[in-house]
C-alpha atoms as a PDB file:
ATOM      1  CA  MET A   1     -21.870   7.117 -38.627  1.00  0.00           C
ATOM      2  CA  ILE A   2     -22.116   8.445 -42.157  1.00  0.00           C
ATOM      3  CA  THR A   3     -18.880   6.998 -43.556  1.00  0.00           C
ATOM      4  CA  ASP A   4     -20.676   3.791 -44.507  1.00  0.00           C
ATOM      5  CA  ARG A   5     -21.397   4.815 -48.074  1.00  0.00           C
ATOM      6  CA  ALA A   6     -23.142   1.702 -49.292  1.00  0.00           C
ATOM      7  CA  LEU A   7     -26.461   0.488 -48.009  1.00  0.00           C
ATOM      8  CA  VAL A   8     -27.120  -3.199 -47.557  1.00  0.00           C
ATOM      9  CA  SER A   9     -29.374  -3.167 -50.612  1.00  0.00           C
ATOM     10  CA  ASP A  10     -26.506  -1.772 -52.733  1.00  0.00           C
ATOM     11  CA  ILE A  11     -24.173  -4.697 -52.027  1.00  0.00           C
ATOM     12  CA  HIS A  12     -24.332  -7.447 -54.607  1.00  0.00           C
ATOM     13  CA  VAL A  13     -23.082 -10.843 -53.493  1.00  0.00           C
ATOM     14  CA  SER A  14     -22.465 -13.604 -56.019  1.00  0.00           C
ATOM     15  CA  PRO A  15     -23.902 -17.067 -55.415  1.00  0.00           C
ATOM     16  CA  GLY A  16     -20.476 -18.179 -54.147  1.00  0.00           C
ATOM     17  CA  GLY A  17     -20.652 -15.567 -51.362  1.00  0.00           C
ATOM     18  CA  ARG A  18     -18.150 -13.148 -52.909  1.00  0.00           C
ATOM     19  CA  LEU A  19     -18.588  -9.474 -53.662  1.00  0.00           C
ATOM     20  CA  ASP A  20     -18.473  -8.446 -57.294  1.00  0.00           C
ATOM     21  CA  THR A  21     -15.734  -6.129 -58.571  1.00  0.00           C
ATOM     22  CA  ALA A  22     -17.976  -3.075 -58.975  1.00  0.00           C
ATOM     23  CA  THR A  23     -19.112  -3.306 -55.359  1.00  0.00           C
ATOM     24  CA  LEU A  24     -15.552  -3.643 -54.090  1.00  0.00           C
ATOM     25  CA  ARG A  25     -14.498  -0.580 -56.088  1.00  0.00           C
ATOM     26  CA  ALA A  26     -17.430   1.435 -54.743  1.00  0.00           C
ATOM     27  CA  LEU A  27     -16.634   0.480 -51.157  1.00  0.00           C
ATOM     28  CA  GLY A  28     -12.934   1.255 -51.594  1.00  0.00           C
ATOM     29  CA  ARG A  29     -13.436   4.701 -53.135  1.00  0.00           C
ATOM     30  CA  ARG A  30     -11.653   7.537 -51.329  1.00  0.00           C
ATOM     31  CA  SER A  31     -13.948  10.198 -49.955  1.00  0.00           C
ATOM     32  CA  LEU A  32     -12.877  13.071 -47.751  1.00  0.00           C
ATOM     33  CA  PHE A  33     -16.198  14.721 -46.884  1.00  0.00           C
ATOM     34  CA  PRO A  34     -17.719  11.871 -44.835  1.00  0.00           C
ATOM     35  CA  TRP A  35     -14.469  11.631 -42.867  1.00  0.00           C
ATOM     36  CA  LEU A  36     -14.486  15.368 -42.139  1.00  0.00           C
ATOM     37  CA  ALA A  37     -18.160  15.258 -41.138  1.00  0.00           C
ATOM     38  CA  ASP A  38     -17.595  12.324 -38.776  1.00  0.00           C
ATOM     39  CA  SER A  39     -14.542  13.994 -37.280  1.00  0.00           C
ATOM     40  CA  ALA A  40     -16.401  17.279 -36.713  1.00  0.00           C
ATOM     41  CA  LEU A  41     -19.353  15.443 -35.174  1.00  0.00           C
ATOM     42  CA  ASP A  42     -17.053  13.543 -32.801  1.00  0.00           C
ATOM     43  CA  TRP A  43     -15.409  16.781 -31.650  1.00  0.00           C
ATOM     44  CA  LEU A  44     -18.838  18.375 -31.216  1.00  0.00           C
ATOM     45  CA  VAL A  45     -19.980  15.491 -28.992  1.00  0.00           C
ATOM     46  CA  ILE A  46     -16.779  15.714 -26.913  1.00  0.00           C
ATOM     47  CA  GLY A  47     -17.191  19.474 -26.534  1.00  0.00           C
ATOM     48  CA  THR A  48     -20.821  19.080 -25.546  1.00  0.00           C
ATOM     49  CA  ALA A  49     -19.984  16.458 -22.918  1.00  0.00           C
ATOM     50  CA  LEU A  50     -17.285  18.696 -21.414  1.00  0.00           C
ATOM     51  CA  THR A  51     -19.622  21.710 -21.456  1.00  0.00           C
ATOM     52  CA  VAL A  52     -22.288  19.770 -19.592  1.00  0.00           C
ATOM     53  CA  VAL A  53     -19.744  18.835 -16.916  1.00  0.00           C
ATOM     54  CA  CYS A  54     -18.585  22.451 -16.607  1.00  0.00           C
ATOM     55  CA  LEU A  55     -22.168  23.686 -16.223  1.00  0.00           C
ATOM     56  CA  TRP A  56     -23.373  20.907 -13.896  1.00  0.00           C
ATOM     57  CA  PRO A  57     -20.399  19.315 -12.083  1.00  0.00           C
ATOM     58  CA  HIS A  58     -22.023  16.309 -10.457  1.00  0.00           C
ATOM     59  CA  ILE A  59     -21.280  12.591 -10.453  1.00  0.00           C
ATOM     60  CA  TYR A  60     -24.368  12.044 -12.633  1.00  0.00           C
ATOM     61  CA  THR A  61     -22.883  14.220 -15.372  1.00  0.00           C
ATOM     62  CA  VAL A  62     -19.191  13.387 -14.940  1.00  0.00           C
ATOM     63  CA  VAL A  63     -19.472   9.606 -15.347  1.00  0.00           C
ATOM     64  CA  PRO A  64     -21.499   9.704 -18.603  1.00  0.00           C
ATOM     65  CA  ALA A  65     -19.260  12.497 -19.918  1.00  0.00           C
ATOM     66  CA  VAL A  66     -16.139  10.395 -19.289  1.00  0.00           C
ATOM     67  CA  LEU A  67     -17.681   7.391 -21.047  1.00  0.00           C
ATOM     68  CA  ILE A  68     -18.929   9.457 -23.989  1.00  0.00           C
ATOM     69  CA  THR A  69     -15.603  11.282 -24.341  1.00  0.00           C
ATOM     70  CA  GLY A  70     -13.656   8.015 -24.291  1.00  0.00           C
ATOM     71  CA  ASN A  71     -15.958   6.505 -26.893  1.00  0.00           C
ATOM     72  CA  ARG A  72     -15.588   9.472 -29.237  1.00  0.00           C
ATOM     73  CA  GLN A  73     -11.811   9.543 -28.729  1.00  0.00           C
ATOM     74  CA  HIS A  74     -11.722   5.929 -29.849  1.00  0.00           C
ATOM     75  CA  ALA A  75     -13.790   6.868 -32.907  1.00  0.00           C
ATOM     76  CA  LEU A  76     -11.319   9.663 -33.694  1.00  0.00           C
ATOM     77  CA  THR A  77      -8.463   7.165 -33.422  1.00  0.00           C
ATOM     78  CA  VAL A  78     -10.161   4.903 -35.946  1.00  0.00           C
ATOM     79  CA  LEU A  79     -10.689   7.862 -38.276  1.00  0.00           C
ATOM     80  CA  GLY A  80      -7.034   8.826 -37.837  1.00  0.00           C
ATOM     81  CA  ASP A  81      -6.022   5.301 -38.775  1.00  0.00           C
ATOM     82  CA  ASP A  82      -7.839   5.714 -42.083  1.00  0.00           C
ATOM     83  CA  GLY A  83      -5.674   8.732 -42.795  1.00  0.00           C
ATOM     84  CA  THR A  84      -2.429   6.949 -41.967  1.00  0.00           C
ATOM     85  CA  HIS A  85      -3.295   4.352 -44.597  1.00  0.00           C
ATOM     86  CA  TYR A  86      -3.888   7.178 -47.114  1.00  0.00           C
ATOM     87  CA  THR A  87      -7.545   6.310 -47.666  1.00  0.00           C
ATOM     88  CA  LEU A  88      -8.949   9.842 -47.260  1.00  0.00           C
ATOM     89  CA  SER A  89      -7.570  11.680 -50.245  1.00  0.00           C
ATOM     90  CA  HIS A  90      -5.433  11.051 -53.290  1.00  0.00           C
ATOM     91  CA  ARG A  91      -3.019  13.695 -51.933  1.00  0.00           C
ATOM     92  CA  ALA A  92      -0.670  12.185 -49.354  1.00  0.00           C
ATOM     93  CA  ARG A  93       0.166  15.578 -47.822  1.00  0.00           C
ATOM     94  CA  LEU A  94      -3.510  16.226 -47.096  1.00  0.00           C
ATOM     95  CA  ASN A  95      -3.841  12.833 -45.421  1.00  0.00           C
ATOM     96  CA  ASP A  96      -0.758  13.582 -43.315  1.00  0.00           C
ATOM     97  CA  PHE A  97      -2.020  17.055 -42.385  1.00  0.00           C
ATOM     98  CA  LEU A  98      -5.451  15.847 -41.297  1.00  0.00           C
ATOM     99  CA  THR A  99      -4.183  12.920 -39.230  1.00  0.00           C
ATOM    100  CA  SER A 100      -0.972  14.318 -37.727  1.00  0.00           C
ATOM    101  CA  ASP A 101      -0.583  14.827 -33.997  1.00  0.00           C
END
């Protein structure tokens, strides 16, 4: 999704195979907007899959909808894990609010 902020061409690897300090800092920077966009997109995909099943309840729509919904729920769990490690925002209360049950 769009949370991968650095492109492969932006990553500088030293001859010893290690990342330089500037690259590590760029990759570790906290950014809330990509997380919110990914989260909203995941919920949109789940809602779309459920809508398709409601409109056309058939085995050919239910099985893909279950698989898609499970996949996006797993993605939301991974995004929630980022928040529990306080990597979304510098404000701990905002992290807690966004990732609470």
